[in-house]
Amino acid sequence: MTYNALEISGYAGRPYELYQFSTADQSWYFTSADHPISYLGQVYNPETIKRTNTSQTAEAKGGTVRVSLPKENPIPQQFVAFSPSTPMFVVIFRGHEGDADVVVNFTGKVTMTSFGDFAELNCIPESDVLKNSIPAMQFQAPCNHFLYDAGCTIDKNLFSLLGEISAIDATGAIVTVTAAGTKPGGWFTAGYLEIGQQRRMIILHAATVLTLMAPLFGVAAGAAVTLYAGCMRDFRTCKNKFDNTKNYIGFQWVPTKNPFKDPFY
């Protein structure tokens, strides 16, 4: 039977879906089936994953799709601290057991993640990106780039530090890393910590103690971590810490008072 025939069949279809998530430097492959599936040279591993329906327009399948999967999965973990440094895209394939036909069911971009008992990814179709009317660059004091992204150009490996967790509090959000004490206080503030697939923003660095934006899962003392220096996205930090003012896109002299609403006296 053909794919279309299986889709409309009341009893013959045994559907499965393949989920490919990709950033500029990483890719992940999951399937809703209960066994691994190989497709186009990649192995899609079983995961508890499901999605909302797509909508069909005259042009193509569209509409926002919400994908649910365990919050410990590496995909939502990329969004715990902040969004990945490069956009994350998703392609959803659909097929049926015993049939060779596999079709593309949805392609889009992961824009945000919400957490509850499960993580829920908000995915917009590629066509919706063209509807964005907000300019990419803003007239603001902070740099429009994010540290280590393609516009910033700083190589994060040049500002990384390997260390080991010597202590972690009961919440999992305050960790002690002895190696962090080799850098001045605040060096890692607004940077992040990586351990395996988990990434957490560092909101405060004081001596060897790091306060994280969100707790770590399943981590104990003795675990190896990588720390990345932070940036406040201001001109002074860009110049003195990273020597990267040629790529600074902020307007440090933008007035702090709005002449249309703030008095001048």
Protein backbone atom coordinates (compact mmCIF):
# COMPACT_ATOMS: atom_id res chain seq x y z
CA MET A 1 0.00 0.00 0.00
CA THR A 2 1.08 3.57 -0.59
CA TYR A 3 1.68 6.11 2.17
CA ASN A 4 -1.57 7.94 1.37
CA ALA A 5 -3.53 4.69 1.42
CA LEU A 6 -2.09 3.77 4.81
CA GLU A 7 -2.86 7.26 6.17
CA ILE A 8 -6.56 6.98 5.38
CA SER A 9 -6.87 3.30 6.23
CA GLY A 10 -8.91 2.56 9.29
CA TYR A 11 -6.88 -0.47 10.31
CA ALA A 12 -3.77 -1.06 8.13
CA GLY A 13 -1.74 2.00 9.13
CA ARG A 14 0.96 1.75 11.81
CA PRO A 15 2.34 5.29 11.86
CA TYR A 16 5.61 6.47 13.37
CA GLU A 17 7.34 9.82 13.26
CA LEU A 18 10.99 10.83 13.06
CA TYR A 19 12.20 14.06 14.67
CA GLN A 20 15.42 15.71 13.55
CA PHE A 21 16.59 18.68 15.65
CA SER A 22 19.60 20.66 14.43
CA THR A 23 21.67 23.70 15.36
CA ALA A 24 24.75 24.92 13.50
CA ASP A 25 27.01 22.47 15.31
CA GLN A 26 24.82 19.67 16.70
CA SER A 27 22.03 17.33 15.61
CA TRP A 28 19.72 14.99 17.52
CA TYR A 29 17.49 12.22 16.15
CA PHE A 30 14.42 10.72 17.88
CA THR A 31 11.45 8.59 16.90
CA SER A 32 8.02 7.99 18.37
CA ALA A 33 8.41 4.29 17.50
CA ASP A 34 9.34 1.78 20.21
CA HIS A 35 12.51 0.73 18.38
CA PRO A 36 15.38 2.50 16.56
CA ILE A 37 14.72 3.41 12.93
CA SER A 38 17.39 4.12 10.33
CA TYR A 39 16.58 6.74 7.70
CA LEU A 40 18.88 8.58 5.27
CA GLY A 41 21.95 7.31 7.06
CA GLN A 42 20.86 8.39 10.55
CA VAL A 43 19.59 6.30 13.44
CA TYR A 44 16.52 7.71 15.20
CA ASN A 45 16.29 6.47 18.78
CA PRO A 46 13.01 5.85 20.64
CA GLU A 47 11.77 8.67 22.86
CA THR A 48 8.52 9.57 24.58
CA ILE A 49 7.66 12.30 22.11
CA LYS A 50 4.44 13.62 20.62
CA ARG A 51 3.15 16.75 18.93
CA THR A 52 0.04 18.75 18.17
CA ASN A 53 -1.50 18.62 14.71
CA THR A 54 -0.28 20.63 11.76
CA SER A 55 -2.72 22.68 9.71
CA GLN A 56 -3.07 22.48 5.94
CA THR A 57 -3.21 25.68 3.88
CA ALA A 58 -3.38 26.22 0.14
CA GLU A 59 0.41 26.61 0.12
CA ALA A 60 1.75 24.01 2.55
CA LYS A 61 1.39 22.51 5.96
CA GLY A 62 1.79 25.20 8.57
CA GLY A 63 0.67 26.51 11.90
CA THR A 64 2.55 26.39 15.17
CA VAL A 65 3.34 22.87 16.37
CA ARG A 66 4.02 22.04 20.01
CA VAL A 67 6.28 19.07 20.63
CA SER A 68 6.24 17.41 24.06
CA LEU A 69 9.08 15.26 25.39
CA PRO A 70 10.76 14.55 28.75
CA LYS A 71 12.36 17.62 30.28
CA GLU A 72 15.59 15.65 30.85
CA ASN A 73 15.95 15.17 27.08
CA PRO A 74 18.92 17.07 25.59
CA ILE A 75 16.66 19.21 23.36
CA PRO A 76 14.80 21.15 26.11
CA GLN A 77 18.05 21.19 28.10
CA GLN A 78 19.45 23.51 25.43
CA PHE A 79 16.84 26.09 26.47
CA VAL A 80 17.12 25.91 30.27
CA ALA A 81 19.65 28.70 30.63
CA PHE A 82 18.92 30.60 27.43
CA SER A 83 18.29 29.87 23.77
CA PRO A 84 21.06 28.09 21.85
CA SER A 85 23.68 30.41 20.36
CA THR A 86 22.47 29.43 16.88
CA PRO A 87 18.84 28.78 15.87
CA MET A 88 17.43 25.29 16.35
CA PHE A 89 15.44 23.82 13.48
CA VAL A 90 13.20 20.77 13.45
CA VAL A 91 12.13 18.44 10.66
CA ILE A 92 9.36 15.92 11.35
CA PHE A 93 9.07 12.91 9.04
CA ARG A 94 6.14 10.51 9.04
CA GLY A 95 5.94 6.93 7.82
CA HIS A 96 4.29 3.57 8.50
CA GLU A 97 5.78 0.32 9.74
CA GLY A 98 6.46 -2.06 6.86
CA ASP A 99 6.22 0.68 4.22
CA ALA A 100 9.25 2.33 2.57
CA ASP A 101 7.57 5.69 1.95
CA VAL A 102 8.52 8.44 4.40
CA VAL A 103 7.24 12.00 3.94
CA VAL A 104 8.18 15.36 5.42
CA ASN A 105 5.32 16.36 7.69
CA PHE A 106 6.68 19.60 9.15
CA THR A 107 9.75 21.83 8.95
CA GLY A 108 10.30 24.80 11.20
CA LYS A 109 12.18 26.54 13.96
CA VAL A 110 12.08 25.94 17.71
CA THR A 111 11.39 29.35 19.28
CA MET A 112 10.90 28.59 22.97
CA THR A 113 10.44 25.88 25.58
CA SER A 114 8.13 25.70 28.58
CA PHE A 115 8.61 23.25 31.45
CA GLY A 116 6.09 21.29 33.49
CA ASP A 117 5.90 17.54 34.01
CA PHE A 118 7.16 17.44 30.43
CA ALA A 119 8.93 20.01 28.29
CA GLU A 120 6.95 21.58 25.47
CA LEU A 121 8.74 23.03 22.45
CA ASN A 122 7.04 25.78 20.49
CA CYS A 123 7.85 25.27 16.79
CA ILE A 124 6.89 27.70 14.05
CA PRO A 125 6.91 26.73 10.36
CA GLU A 126 9.59 28.11 8.08
CA SER A 127 7.04 30.26 6.24
CA ASP A 128 6.19 32.12 9.45
CA VAL A 129 9.74 33.47 9.75
CA LEU A 130 8.95 35.76 6.81
CA LYS A 131 6.07 37.29 8.79
CA ASN A 132 8.41 38.71 11.42
CA SER A 133 8.10 42.50 11.32
CA ILE A 134 10.52 43.20 14.20
CA PRO A 135 13.92 44.40 12.96
CA ALA A 136 16.84 42.15 13.80
CA MET A 137 18.85 45.06 15.21
CA GLN A 138 17.59 47.41 17.91
CA PHE A 139 18.64 50.96 18.82
CA GLN A 140 19.83 50.10 22.31
CA ALA A 141 22.84 50.42 24.57
CA PRO A 142 23.55 46.67 24.95
CA CYS A 143 25.20 44.91 22.03
CA ASN A 144 22.77 43.36 19.58
CA HIS A 145 24.95 40.27 19.36
CA PHE A 146 24.98 37.49 21.90
CA LEU A 147 28.31 36.32 23.22
CA TYR A 148 29.91 33.59 21.08
CA ASP A 149 27.31 33.84 18.29
CA ALA A 150 28.24 34.27 14.62
CA GLY A 151 28.02 38.06 14.80
CA CYS A 152 30.12 38.29 17.94
CA THR A 153 32.77 35.97 16.39
CA ILE A 154 34.50 35.26 19.73
CA ASP A 155 35.65 31.64 19.96
CA LYS A 156 34.16 30.32 23.19
CA ASN A 157 36.98 27.79 23.54
CA LEU A 158 39.42 30.65 24.08
CA PHE A 159 37.42 31.71 27.14
CA SER A 160 36.62 28.28 28.56
CA LEU A 161 37.91 26.72 31.76
CA LEU A 162 37.80 23.06 32.73
CA GLY A 163 36.99 22.28 36.34
CA GLU A 164 35.37 19.88 38.76
CA ILE A 165 32.38 20.36 41.04
CA SER A 166 33.62 20.06 44.60
CA ALA A 167 30.23 20.79 46.18
CA ILE A 168 26.62 21.28 45.11
CA ASP A 169 23.77 22.45 47.31
CA ALA A 170 20.43 20.69 47.81
CA THR A 171 18.71 22.83 45.16
CA GLY A 172 21.26 21.94 42.50
CA ALA A 173 21.57 25.61 41.58
CA ILE A 174 24.62 26.61 43.64
CA VAL A 175 27.85 24.82 42.85
CA THR A 176 31.43 25.15 44.00
CA VAL A 177 34.12 24.80 41.35
CA THR A 178 37.63 25.31 42.70
CA ALA A 179 39.01 26.24 39.27
CA ALA A 180 36.63 29.22 39.10
CA GLY A 181 38.71 30.84 41.85
CA THR A 182 41.58 31.29 39.40
CA LYS A 183 39.57 34.02 37.66
CA PRO A 184 38.51 37.36 39.15
CA GLY A 185 35.04 37.58 40.71
CA GLY A 186 32.32 38.09 38.12
CA TRP A 187 34.39 36.62 35.29
CA PHE A 188 31.80 33.91 34.66
CA THR A 189 28.72 36.01 35.51
CA ALA A 190 26.36 35.96 32.49
CA GLY A 191 28.39 33.10 31.07
CA TYR A 192 27.42 29.47 31.37
CA LEU A 193 28.38 26.07 32.71
CA GLU A 194 28.26 22.90 30.62
CA ILE A 195 28.19 19.31 31.82
CA GLY A 196 27.23 16.66 29.29
CA GLN A 197 24.08 17.84 27.52
CA GLN A 198 23.15 20.24 30.33
CA ARG A 199 23.88 23.94 29.99
CA ARG A 200 23.13 26.48 32.69
CA MET A 201 23.53 30.24 32.71
CA ILE A 202 25.70 31.56 35.54
CA ILE A 203 23.95 34.51 37.17
CA LEU A 204 26.62 35.13 39.81
CA HIS A 205 30.30 34.21 40.16
CA ALA A 206 31.93 34.89 43.51
CA ALA A 207 35.35 33.29 44.10
CA THR A 208 34.75 29.52 43.69
CA VAL A 209 30.94 29.65 44.05
CA LEU A 210 28.65 29.80 41.03
CA THR A 211 24.93 30.52 41.22
CA LEU A 212 23.04 29.05 38.28
CA MET A 213 19.81 30.22 36.70
CA ALA A 214 18.33 26.71 36.93
CA PRO A 215 19.31 23.55 38.84
CA LEU A 216 21.39 20.74 37.42
CA PHE A 217 19.84 17.27 37.12
CA GLY A 218 21.56 14.15 38.38
CA VAL A 219 24.89 15.83 39.09
CA ALA A 220 27.06 15.16 42.15
CA ALA A 221 30.37 16.39 43.51
CA GLY A 222 33.30 15.19 41.44
CA ALA A 223 31.64 15.80 38.08
CA ALA A 224 33.76 17.50 35.41
CA VAL A 225 32.39 20.76 34.01
CA THR A 226 33.35 23.42 31.50
CA LEU A 227 32.88 27.10 32.37
CA TYR A 228 32.56 29.86 29.80
CA ALA A 229 33.25 33.52 30.55
CA GLY A 230 30.30 35.87 30.57
CA CYS A 231 29.63 39.25 28.98
CA MET A 232 27.37 42.07 30.15
CA ARG A 233 27.04 43.13 26.49
CA ASP A 234 28.37 46.62 27.24
CA PHE A 235 31.18 48.43 25.39
CA ARG A 236 33.61 48.40 28.32
CA THR A 237 33.41 44.62 28.76
CA CYS A 238 33.67 44.10 25.02
CA LYS A 239 36.86 46.20 24.93
CA ASN A 240 38.64 45.24 28.14
CA LYS A 241 37.70 41.58 28.43
CA PHE A 242 37.32 40.37 24.85
CA ASP A 243 39.08 43.05 22.73
CA ASN A 244 36.22 42.75 20.26
CA THR A 245 34.91 46.29 19.78
CA LYS A 246 35.06 45.95 15.98
CA ASN A 247 32.06 43.62 16.27
CA TYR A 248 30.22 45.58 18.96
CA ILE A 249 26.79 46.63 17.71
CA GLY A 250 25.33 48.68 20.52
CA PHE A 251 24.74 52.38 21.01
CA GLN A 252 26.48 53.19 24.26
CA TRP A 253 25.53 56.86 24.16
CA VAL A 254 21.82 56.30 23.63
CA PRO A 255 19.99 58.75 25.97
CA THR A 256 18.63 57.22 29.15
CA LYS A 257 15.79 59.77 29.26
CA ASN A 258 12.91 59.77 26.84
CA PRO A 259 12.21 63.43 25.88
CA PHE A 260 8.60 62.56 25.09
CA LYS A 261 7.79 61.28 28.58
CA ASP A 262 10.62 62.18 31.00
CA PRO A 263 11.07 65.77 32.27
CA PHE A 264 14.48 67.37 31.79
CA TYR A 265 14.54 68.91 35.27
